Amino acid sequence: MLRLLAIAFLMLVTSVAQAQPVRFPSVAVANVPAGPEISGWLYRPGGAGPFPAVVLAHTCGGVSEQTEMWAKRLVSWGYVVVAPDSFGPRGEKNVCSKGNAVSGNMRVADVAGALDFLNAQPFVQRGNIGLIGHSHGGWTTVRAVQKSYGLAQRGLKAAVAYYPLCSAGFDTHVDVPLLILIGDKDDWTPADNCRKLQAAGFDRPEFVEATYYPNARHSFDYNVPDRTAFGHKMGYDTAAAPDAEARTKAFFARYLASRP
């Protein structure tokens, strides 16, 4: 009996651990032109589905161990995940010291392409897709939910932005439920910018939730030793990380649990 349970466990781990390389077009939306063909990684739960899905937008460092950590976590919650590589096809490895080389705006076209790709898969619930991004990917996420890009009409139903770059001048037209999670001690993407965005007022304030963690720094969810990168302090926060994970899981469950 124990042997059978062990085999079943190994089969489950294998089913969620494998990433399949994929390619799809970047798609022009509003004033954002299409980028190059995008490469990425597809992760699937075991079974035929169809499942709800999530687009996972990487940090300024590109696709990394943090991307894989979150992809596997989302798969364990029952989501198909596609993690586009927005940098490699554009000839960049990372943009941490030159964030606008591939801006959050530019990456919205990649998110649109990822949505179209997921909607075409038989194992995905068409029109039942979320978006999550961290840091530069969080900036991408906040940009992607703006009404002018029309991603809600492409099936985007909810978005979570971890320590994003917020702009009161550009980001008030949120058209998709959005959860912002950021630390008050973040010296790279300051939380005050998100507070200013909230103070500016949203067209649909009921769509936006924000949680500010008093002692958390940038990258507070990534369990690696405290460090300084590109002149900014980063580190795991034992209080913020599990709380943000729980909020993320509940947020996606609220908006993606039911078939459209």
C-alpha atoms as a PDB file:
ATOM      1  CA  MET A   1       0.000   0.000   0.000  1.00  0.00           C
ATOM      2  CA  LEU A   2       2.780   2.414   0.950  1.00  0.00           C
ATOM      3  CA  ARG A   3       4.560   1.580  -2.302  1.00  0.00           C
ATOM      4  CA  LEU A   4       1.428   2.416  -4.299  1.00  0.00           C
ATOM      5  CA  LEU A   5       1.052   5.720  -2.458  1.00  0.00           C
ATOM      6  CA  ALA A   6       4.689   6.563  -3.147  1.00  0.00           C
ATOM      7  CA  ILE A   7       4.246   5.826  -6.856  1.00  0.00           C
ATOM      8  CA  ALA A   8       1.101   7.959  -6.966  1.00  0.00           C
ATOM      9  CA  PHE A   9       2.930  10.811  -5.264  1.00  0.00           C
ATOM     10  CA  LEU A  10       5.819  10.602  -7.727  1.00  0.00           C
ATOM     11  CA  MET A  11       3.383  10.634 -10.632  1.00  0.00           C
ATOM     12  CA  LEU A  12       1.714  13.746  -9.213  1.00  0.00           C
ATOM     13  CA  VAL A  13       5.038  15.546  -8.745  1.00  0.00           C
ATOM     14  CA  THR A  14       6.120  14.611 -12.260  1.00  0.00           C
ATOM     15  CA  SER A  15       2.829  15.807 -13.718  1.00  0.00           C
ATOM     16  CA  VAL A  16       3.258  19.314 -12.299  1.00  0.00           C
ATOM     17  CA  ALA A  17       7.043  19.608 -12.600  1.00  0.00           C
ATOM     18  CA  GLN A  18       7.459  19.348 -16.362  1.00  0.00           C
ATOM     19  CA  ALA A  19       7.588  22.549 -18.409  1.00  0.00           C
ATOM     20  CA  GLN A  20       6.919  22.461 -22.130  1.00  0.00           C
ATOM     21  CA  PRO A  21       8.532  25.087 -24.399  1.00  0.00           C
ATOM     22  CA  VAL A  22       6.008  27.033 -26.466  1.00  0.00           C
ATOM     23  CA  ARG A  23       5.972  29.893 -28.965  1.00  0.00           C
ATOM     24  CA  PHE A  24       3.237  32.338 -29.908  1.00  0.00           C
ATOM     25  CA  PRO A  25       2.881  35.788 -31.503  1.00  0.00           C
ATOM     26  CA  SER A  26       3.054  39.006 -29.552  1.00  0.00           C
ATOM     27  CA  VAL A  27      -0.133  40.895 -30.480  1.00  0.00           C
ATOM     28  CA  ALA A  28      -0.607  44.634 -31.095  1.00  0.00           C
ATOM     29  CA  VAL A  29      -3.095  46.229 -28.684  1.00  0.00           C
ATOM     30  CA  ALA A  30      -4.189  49.867 -28.668  1.00  0.00           C
ATOM     31  CA  ASN A  31      -1.025  51.976 -29.115  1.00  0.00           C
ATOM     32  CA  VAL A  32       1.358  49.099 -28.329  1.00  0.00           C
ATOM     33  CA  PRO A  33       2.828  47.424 -31.429  1.00  0.00           C
ATOM     34  CA  ALA A  34       3.343  43.684 -31.650  1.00  0.00           C
ATOM     35  CA  GLY A  35       6.713  42.453 -30.481  1.00  0.00           C
ATOM     36  CA  PRO A  36       8.688  39.530 -31.919  1.00  0.00           C
ATOM     37  CA  GLU A  37       7.448  35.964 -31.696  1.00  0.00           C
ATOM     38  CA  ILE A  38       7.514  35.092 -28.017  1.00  0.00           C
ATOM     39  CA  SER A  39       9.001  31.962 -26.514  1.00  0.00           C
ATOM     40  CA  GLY A  40       7.880  30.705 -23.148  1.00  0.00           C
ATOM     41  CA  TRP A  41       7.119  27.785 -20.879  1.00  0.00           C
ATOM     42  CA  LEU A  42       3.833  25.965 -20.419  1.00  0.00           C
ATOM     43  CA  TYR A  43       2.981  24.164 -17.176  1.00  0.00           C
ATOM     44  CA  ARG A  44      -0.104  21.948 -16.743  1.00  0.00           C
ATOM     45  CA  PRO A  45      -1.869  20.151 -13.919  1.00  0.00           C
ATOM     46  CA  GLY A  46      -2.410  16.428 -14.352  1.00  0.00           C
ATOM     47  CA  GLY A  47      -5.554  15.430 -16.221  1.00  0.00           C
ATOM     48  CA  ALA A  48      -7.345  16.465 -19.370  1.00  0.00           C
ATOM     49  CA  GLY A  49      -9.018  19.597 -18.042  1.00  0.00           C
ATOM     50  CA  PRO A  50     -10.184  22.045 -19.158  1.00  0.00           C
ATOM     51  CA  PHE A  51      -8.611  24.197 -16.438  1.00  0.00           C
ATOM     52  CA  PRO A  52      -8.558  27.921 -15.717  1.00  0.00           C
ATOM     53  CA  ALA A  53      -5.205  29.443 -16.641  1.00  0.00           C
ATOM     54  CA  VAL A  54      -2.739  32.123 -15.534  1.00  0.00           C
ATOM     55  CA  VAL A  55      -0.166  34.153 -17.462  1.00  0.00           C
ATOM     56  CA  LEU A  56       2.998  34.589 -15.359  1.00  0.00           C
ATOM     57  CA  ALA A  57       5.058  37.741 -16.088  1.00  0.00           C
ATOM     58  CA  HIS A  58       8.695  37.508 -14.980  1.00  0.00           C
ATOM     59  CA  THR A  59      10.833  40.102 -13.179  1.00  0.00           C
ATOM     60  CA  CYS A  60      13.467  42.401 -14.696  1.00  0.00           C
ATOM     61  CA  GLY A  61      15.838  39.438 -14.415  1.00  0.00           C
ATOM     62  CA  GLY A  62      13.874  37.416 -16.972  1.00  0.00           C
ATOM     63  CA  VAL A  63      12.615  33.865 -16.642  1.00  0.00           C
ATOM     64  CA  SER A  64      14.258  32.465 -13.505  1.00  0.00           C
ATOM     65  CA  GLU A  65      13.942  30.097 -10.558  1.00  0.00           C
ATOM     66  CA  GLN A  66      11.382  32.498  -9.094  1.00  0.00           C
ATOM     67  CA  THR A  67       9.299  32.093 -12.265  1.00  0.00           C
ATOM     68  CA  GLU A  68       9.444  28.312 -11.961  1.00  0.00           C
ATOM     69  CA  MET A  69       8.604  28.458  -8.244  1.00  0.00           C
ATOM     70  CA  TRP A  70       5.446  30.441  -8.952  1.00  0.00           C
ATOM     71  CA  ALA A  71       4.506  28.356 -11.993  1.00  0.00           C
ATOM     72  CA  LYS A  72       4.584  25.157  -9.943  1.00  0.00           C
ATOM     73  CA  ARG A  73       2.678  26.814  -7.118  1.00  0.00           C
ATOM     74  CA  LEU A  74      -0.067  27.942  -9.491  1.00  0.00           C
ATOM     75  CA  VAL A  75      -0.242  24.502 -11.097  1.00  0.00           C
ATOM     76  CA  SER A  76      -0.670  22.956  -7.630  1.00  0.00           C
ATOM     77  CA  TRP A  77      -3.695  25.232  -7.224  1.00  0.00           C
ATOM     78  CA  GLY A  78      -5.205  23.828 -10.432  1.00  0.00           C
ATOM     79  CA  TYR A  79      -4.181  26.349 -13.096  1.00  0.00           C
ATOM     80  CA  VAL A  80      -2.529  25.936 -16.461  1.00  0.00           C
ATOM     81  CA  VAL A  81       0.356  28.419 -16.568  1.00  0.00           C
ATOM     82  CA  VAL A  82       2.195  30.050 -19.432  1.00  0.00           C
ATOM     83  CA  ALA A  83       5.335  32.036 -18.583  1.00  0.00           C
ATOM     84  CA  PRO A  84       6.353  34.172 -21.566  1.00  0.00           C
ATOM     85  CA  ASP A  85       9.983  35.225 -22.017  1.00  0.00           C
ATOM     86  CA  SER A  86       9.645  38.882 -22.958  1.00  0.00           C
ATOM     87  CA  PHE A  87      13.392  39.553 -23.043  1.00  0.00           C
ATOM     88  CA  GLY A  88      15.163  36.764 -24.947  1.00  0.00           C
ATOM     89  CA  PRO A  89      13.252  37.285 -28.213  1.00  0.00           C
ATOM     90  CA  ARG A  90      14.112  40.990 -27.968  1.00  0.00           C
ATOM     91  CA  GLY A  91      17.818  40.311 -27.487  1.00  0.00           C
ATOM     92  CA  GLU A  92      17.919  41.054 -23.753  1.00  0.00           C
ATOM     93  CA  LYS A  93      18.904  38.837 -20.824  1.00  0.00           C
ATOM     94  CA  ASN A  94      17.694  41.220 -18.147  1.00  0.00           C
ATOM     95  CA  VAL A  95      16.738  44.875 -17.928  1.00  0.00           C
ATOM     96  CA  CYS A  96      17.268  45.511 -14.217  1.00  0.00           C
ATOM     97  CA  SER A  97      19.524  48.492 -14.881  1.00  0.00           C
ATOM     98  CA  LYS A  98      17.555  49.707 -17.926  1.00  0.00           C
ATOM     99  CA  GLY A  99      13.894  48.969 -17.255  1.00  0.00           C
ATOM    100  CA  ASN A 100      12.570  50.802 -20.298  1.00  0.00           C
ATOM    101  CA  ALA A 101      14.640  48.758 -22.755  1.00  0.00           C
ATOM    102  CA  VAL A 102      11.638  46.442 -22.685  1.00  0.00           C
ATOM    103  CA  SER A 103       8.953  48.419 -20.889  1.00  0.00           C
ATOM    104  CA  GLY A 104       5.851  47.261 -19.100  1.00  0.00           C
ATOM    105  CA  ASN A 105       3.832  48.789 -21.929  1.00  0.00           C
ATOM    106  CA  MET A 106       5.708  46.748 -24.530  1.00  0.00           C
ATOM    107  CA  ARG A 107       5.070  43.564 -22.586  1.00  0.00           C
ATOM    108  CA  VAL A 108       1.297  44.099 -22.674  1.00  0.00           C
ATOM    109  CA  ALA A 109       1.473  42.878 -26.284  1.00  0.00           C
ATOM    110  CA  ASP A 110       3.091  39.657 -25.020  1.00  0.00           C
ATOM    111  CA  VAL A 111       0.322  39.208 -22.443  1.00  0.00           C
ATOM    112  CA  ALA A 112      -2.273  39.636 -25.196  1.00  0.00           C
ATOM    113  CA  GLY A 113      -0.497  36.974 -27.240  1.00  0.00           C
ATOM    114  CA  ALA A 114      -0.352  34.645 -24.243  1.00  0.00           C
ATOM    115  CA  LEU A 115      -4.093  35.083 -23.680  1.00  0.00           C
ATOM    116  CA  ASP A 116      -4.819  34.210 -27.311  1.00  0.00           C
ATOM    117  CA  PHE A 117      -2.503  31.199 -27.068  1.00  0.00           C
ATOM    118  CA  LEU A 118      -4.192  29.898 -23.913  1.00  0.00           C
ATOM    119  CA  ASN A 119      -7.681  30.451 -25.288  1.00  0.00           C
ATOM    120  CA  ALA A 120      -6.793  28.208 -28.243  1.00  0.00           C
ATOM    121  CA  GLN A 121      -5.773  25.236 -26.061  1.00  0.00           C
ATOM    122  CA  PRO A 122      -8.378  22.470 -25.550  1.00  0.00           C
ATOM    123  CA  PHE A 123      -7.232  21.921 -21.947  1.00  0.00           C
ATOM    124  CA  VAL A 124      -7.867  25.580 -20.986  1.00  0.00           C
ATOM    125  CA  GLN A 125     -11.219  27.092 -20.029  1.00  0.00           C
ATOM    126  CA  ARG A 126     -11.580  29.710 -22.729  1.00  0.00           C
ATOM    127  CA  GLY A 127     -11.995  33.204 -21.336  1.00  0.00           C
ATOM    128  CA  ASN A 128     -11.112  32.171 -17.760  1.00  0.00           C
ATOM    129  CA  ILE A 129      -7.569  33.458 -17.408  1.00  0.00           C
ATOM    130  CA  GLY A 130      -5.629  35.375 -14.770  1.00  0.00           C
ATOM    131  CA  LEU A 131      -2.365  37.324 -14.833  1.00  0.00           C
ATOM    132  CA  ILE A 132       0.336  37.569 -12.176  1.00  0.00           C
ATOM    133  CA  GLY A 133       3.599  39.490 -12.326  1.00  0.00           C
ATOM    134  CA  HIS A 134       6.478  40.402 -10.050  1.00  0.00           C
ATOM    135  CA  SER A 135       8.480  43.659 -10.074  1.00  0.00           C
ATOM    136  CA  HIS A 136       8.918  44.499 -13.788  1.00  0.00           C
ATOM    137  CA  GLY A 137       6.232  41.875 -14.383  1.00  0.00           C
ATOM    138  CA  GLY A 138       4.110  43.616 -11.748  1.00  0.00           C
ATOM    139  CA  TRP A 139       4.486  46.846 -13.712  1.00  0.00           C
ATOM    140  CA  THR A 140       3.432  44.893 -16.793  1.00  0.00           C
ATOM    141  CA  THR A 141       0.418  43.574 -14.883  1.00  0.00           C
ATOM    142  CA  VAL A 142      -0.781  47.005 -13.741  1.00  0.00           C
ATOM    143  CA  ARG A 143      -0.408  48.283 -17.311  1.00  0.00           C
ATOM    144  CA  ALA A 144      -2.181  45.263 -18.826  1.00  0.00           C
ATOM    145  CA  VAL A 145      -5.394  45.794 -16.854  1.00  0.00           C
ATOM    146  CA  GLN A 146      -5.921  49.307 -18.224  1.00  0.00           C
ATOM    147  CA  LYS A 147      -9.159  49.656 -20.178  1.00  0.00           C
ATOM    148  CA  SER A 148      -7.521  50.960 -23.376  1.00  0.00           C
ATOM    149  CA  TYR A 149      -5.837  47.587 -24.003  1.00  0.00           C
ATOM    150  CA  GLY A 150      -9.098  45.644 -23.925  1.00  0.00           C
ATOM    151  CA  LEU A 151      -7.623  42.495 -22.388  1.00  0.00           C
ATOM    152  CA  ALA A 152     -10.855  41.795 -20.506  1.00  0.00           C
ATOM    153  CA  GLN A 153     -12.384  41.106 -23.917  1.00  0.00           C
ATOM    154  CA  ARG A 154      -9.581  38.587 -24.524  1.00  0.00           C
ATOM    155  CA  GLY A 155     -10.572  36.619 -21.425  1.00  0.00           C
ATOM    156  CA  LEU A 156      -8.485  38.269 -18.695  1.00  0.00           C
ATOM    157  CA  LYS A 157     -10.565  38.016 -15.518  1.00  0.00           C
ATOM    158  CA  ALA A 158      -8.192  38.880 -12.650  1.00  0.00           C
ATOM    159  CA  ALA A 159      -4.649  40.118 -12.077  1.00  0.00           C
ATOM    160  CA  VAL A 160      -2.164  40.157  -9.193  1.00  0.00           C
ATOM    161  CA  ALA A 161       0.793  42.556  -9.129  1.00  0.00           C
ATOM    162  CA  TYR A 162       3.640  41.924  -6.694  1.00  0.00           C
ATOM    163  CA  TYR A 163       5.717  45.048  -5.887  1.00  0.00           C
ATOM    164  CA  PRO A 164       4.856  46.797  -9.165  1.00  0.00           C
ATOM    165  CA  LEU A 165       5.818  50.212 -10.477  1.00  0.00           C
ATOM    166  CA  CYS A 166       2.622  52.231 -10.028  1.00  0.00           C
ATOM    167  CA  SER A 167       1.855  55.482 -11.840  1.00  0.00           C
ATOM    168  CA  ALA A 168      -0.927  57.863 -10.825  1.00  0.00           C
ATOM    169  CA  GLY A 169      -0.669  59.428 -14.275  1.00  0.00           C
ATOM    170  CA  PHE A 170      -1.285  56.269 -16.290  1.00  0.00           C
ATOM    171  CA  ASP A 171      -2.869  53.518 -14.216  1.00  0.00           C
ATOM    172  CA  THR A 172      -6.266  54.750 -12.972  1.00  0.00           C
ATOM    173  CA  HIS A 173      -8.336  53.146 -15.757  1.00  0.00           C
ATOM    174  CA  VAL A 174      -8.312  49.608 -14.357  1.00  0.00           C
ATOM    175  CA  ASP A 175     -10.819  47.405 -16.180  1.00  0.00           C
ATOM    176  CA  VAL A 176     -10.046  44.017 -14.565  1.00  0.00           C
ATOM    177  CA  PRO A 177     -10.036  43.068 -10.851  1.00  0.00           C
ATOM    178  CA  LEU A 178      -6.533  43.845  -9.582  1.00  0.00           C
ATOM    179  CA  LEU A 179      -4.701  42.922  -6.371  1.00  0.00           C
ATOM    180  CA  ILE A 180      -1.528  44.865  -5.510  1.00  0.00           C
ATOM    181  CA  LEU A 181       0.895  43.431  -2.928  1.00  0.00           C
ATOM    182  CA  ILE A 182       3.890  45.566  -1.946  1.00  0.00           C
ATOM    183  CA  GLY A 183       6.234  46.267   0.966  1.00  0.00           C
ATOM    184  CA  ASP A 184       6.548  49.629   2.702  1.00  0.00           C
ATOM    185  CA  LYS A 185      10.337  49.215   2.827  1.00  0.00           C
ATOM    186  CA  ASP A 186      10.642  48.605  -0.924  1.00  0.00           C
ATOM    187  CA  ASP A 187      13.340  50.992  -2.171  1.00  0.00           C
ATOM    188  CA  TRP A 188      13.104  49.862  -5.826  1.00  0.00           C
ATOM    189  CA  THR A 189       9.394  50.224  -6.603  1.00  0.00           C
ATOM    190  CA  PRO A 190       8.260  52.446  -3.725  1.00  0.00           C
ATOM    191  CA  ALA A 191       4.932  51.675  -2.107  1.00  0.00           C
ATOM    192  CA  ASP A 192       4.177  55.396  -1.961  1.00  0.00           C
ATOM    193  CA  ASN A 193       3.707  55.383  -5.736  1.00  0.00           C
ATOM    194  CA  CYS A 194       0.890  52.852  -5.336  1.00  0.00           C
ATOM    195  CA  ARG A 195      -0.641  54.915  -2.537  1.00  0.00           C
ATOM    196  CA  LYS A 196      -0.549  57.969  -4.825  1.00  0.00           C
ATOM    197  CA  LEU A 197      -2.237  55.892  -7.510  1.00  0.00           C
ATOM    198  CA  GLN A 198      -5.006  54.940  -5.085  1.00  0.00           C
ATOM    199  CA  ALA A 199      -5.358  58.558  -3.970  1.00  0.00           C
ATOM    200  CA  ALA A 200      -5.713  59.667  -7.602  1.00  0.00           C
ATOM    201  CA  GLY A 201      -8.831  57.501  -7.829  1.00  0.00           C
ATOM    202  CA  PHE A 202      -9.784  54.641 -10.132  1.00  0.00           C
ATOM    203  CA  ASP A 203     -12.574  54.600 -12.710  1.00  0.00           C
ATOM    204  CA  ARG A 204     -13.691  51.364 -11.037  1.00  0.00           C
ATOM    205  CA  PRO A 205     -12.413  51.524  -7.435  1.00  0.00           C
ATOM    206  CA  GLU A 206     -14.282  48.320  -6.597  1.00  0.00           C
ATOM    207  CA  PHE A 207     -11.881  46.482  -8.921  1.00  0.00           C
ATOM    208  CA  VAL A 208      -8.710  47.335  -6.957  1.00  0.00           C
ATOM    209  CA  GLU A 209      -7.376  45.895  -3.709  1.00  0.00           C
ATOM    210  CA  ALA A 210      -3.986  46.782  -2.242  1.00  0.00           C
ATOM    211  CA  THR A 211      -2.063  45.377   0.714  1.00  0.00           C
ATOM    212  CA  TYR A 212       1.012  47.125   2.120  1.00  0.00           C
ATOM    213  CA  TYR A 213       3.399  45.118   4.294  1.00  0.00           C
ATOM    214  CA  PRO A 214       5.109  47.349   6.899  1.00  0.00           C
ATOM    215  CA  ASN A 215       8.479  45.572   7.064  1.00  0.00           C
ATOM    216  CA  ALA A 216       8.741  43.996   3.616  1.00  0.00           C
ATOM    217  CA  ARG A 217      11.300  44.844   0.963  1.00  0.00           C
ATOM    218  CA  HIS A 218      11.418  44.132  -2.745  1.00  0.00           C
ATOM    219  CA  SER A 219      11.142  40.449  -3.676  1.00  0.00           C
ATOM    220  CA  PHE A 220       9.668  39.634  -0.265  1.00  0.00           C
ATOM    221  CA  ASP A 221       8.058  36.409  -1.563  1.00  0.00           C
ATOM    222  CA  TYR A 222      11.253  34.792  -2.875  1.00  0.00           C
ATOM    223  CA  ASN A 223      12.885  32.640  -0.195  1.00  0.00           C
ATOM    224  CA  VAL A 224      16.557  33.488  -0.670  1.00  0.00           C
ATOM    225  CA  PRO A 225      18.981  35.277   1.711  1.00  0.00           C
ATOM    226  CA  ASP A 226      18.734  39.055   2.082  1.00  0.00           C
ATOM    227  CA  ARG A 227      20.842  40.743  -0.539  1.00  0.00           C
ATOM    228  CA  THR A 228      21.511  43.971  -2.409  1.00  0.00           C
ATOM    229  CA  ALA A 229      20.979  43.933  -6.166  1.00  0.00           C
ATOM    230  CA  PHE A 230      21.447  46.881  -8.493  1.00  0.00           C
ATOM    231  CA  GLY A 231      21.697  49.124  -5.438  1.00  0.00           C
ATOM    232  CA  HIS A 232      18.414  47.974  -3.901  1.00  0.00           C
ATOM    233  CA  LYS A 233      17.787  45.904  -0.775  1.00  0.00           C
ATOM    234  CA  MET A 234      15.844  42.704  -1.306  1.00  0.00           C
ATOM    235  CA  GLY A 235      14.813  39.898   0.976  1.00  0.00           C
ATOM    236  CA  TYR A 236      12.266  37.321   2.023  1.00  0.00           C
ATOM    237  CA  ASP A 237       9.741  38.403   4.632  1.00  0.00           C
ATOM    238  CA  THR A 238       8.406  35.620   6.836  1.00  0.00           C
ATOM    239  CA  ALA A 239       5.163  37.479   7.566  1.00  0.00           C
ATOM    240  CA  ALA A 240       4.442  39.059   4.179  1.00  0.00           C
ATOM    241  CA  ALA A 241       5.253  36.074   1.956  1.00  0.00           C
ATOM    242  CA  PRO A 242       2.703  33.568   3.301  1.00  0.00           C
ATOM    243  CA  ASP A 243       0.047  36.256   3.696  1.00  0.00           C
ATOM    244  CA  ALA A 244       0.528  37.421   0.093  1.00  0.00           C
ATOM    245  CA  GLU A 245       0.456  33.822  -1.147  1.00  0.00           C
ATOM    246  CA  ALA A 246      -2.824  33.192   0.667  1.00  0.00           C
ATOM    247  CA  ARG A 247      -4.327  36.415  -0.684  1.00  0.00           C
ATOM    248  CA  THR A 248      -3.214  35.508  -4.209  1.00  0.00           C
ATOM    249  CA  LYS A 249      -4.723  32.040  -3.986  1.00  0.00           C
ATOM    250  CA  ALA A 250      -8.020  33.386  -2.628  1.00  0.00           C
ATOM    251  CA  PHE A 251      -8.156  36.194  -5.198  1.00  0.00           C
ATOM    252  CA  PHE A 252      -7.725  33.846  -8.147  1.00  0.00           C
ATOM    253  CA  ALA A 253     -10.170  31.356  -6.633  1.00  0.00           C
ATOM    254  CA  ARG A 254     -12.760  34.123  -6.368  1.00  0.00           C
ATOM    255  CA  TYR A 255     -12.516  35.160 -10.012  1.00  0.00           C
ATOM    256  CA  LEU A 256     -11.320  32.023 -11.814  1.00  0.00           C
ATOM    257  CA  ALA A 257     -12.903  29.152  -9.897  1.00  0.00           C
ATOM    258  CA  SER A 258     -16.039  28.978 -12.017  1.00  0.00           C
ATOM    259  CA  ARG A 259     -16.184  28.322 -15.731  1.00  0.00           C
ATOM    260  CA  PRO A 260     -17.212  31.422 -17.731  1.00  0.00           C
END
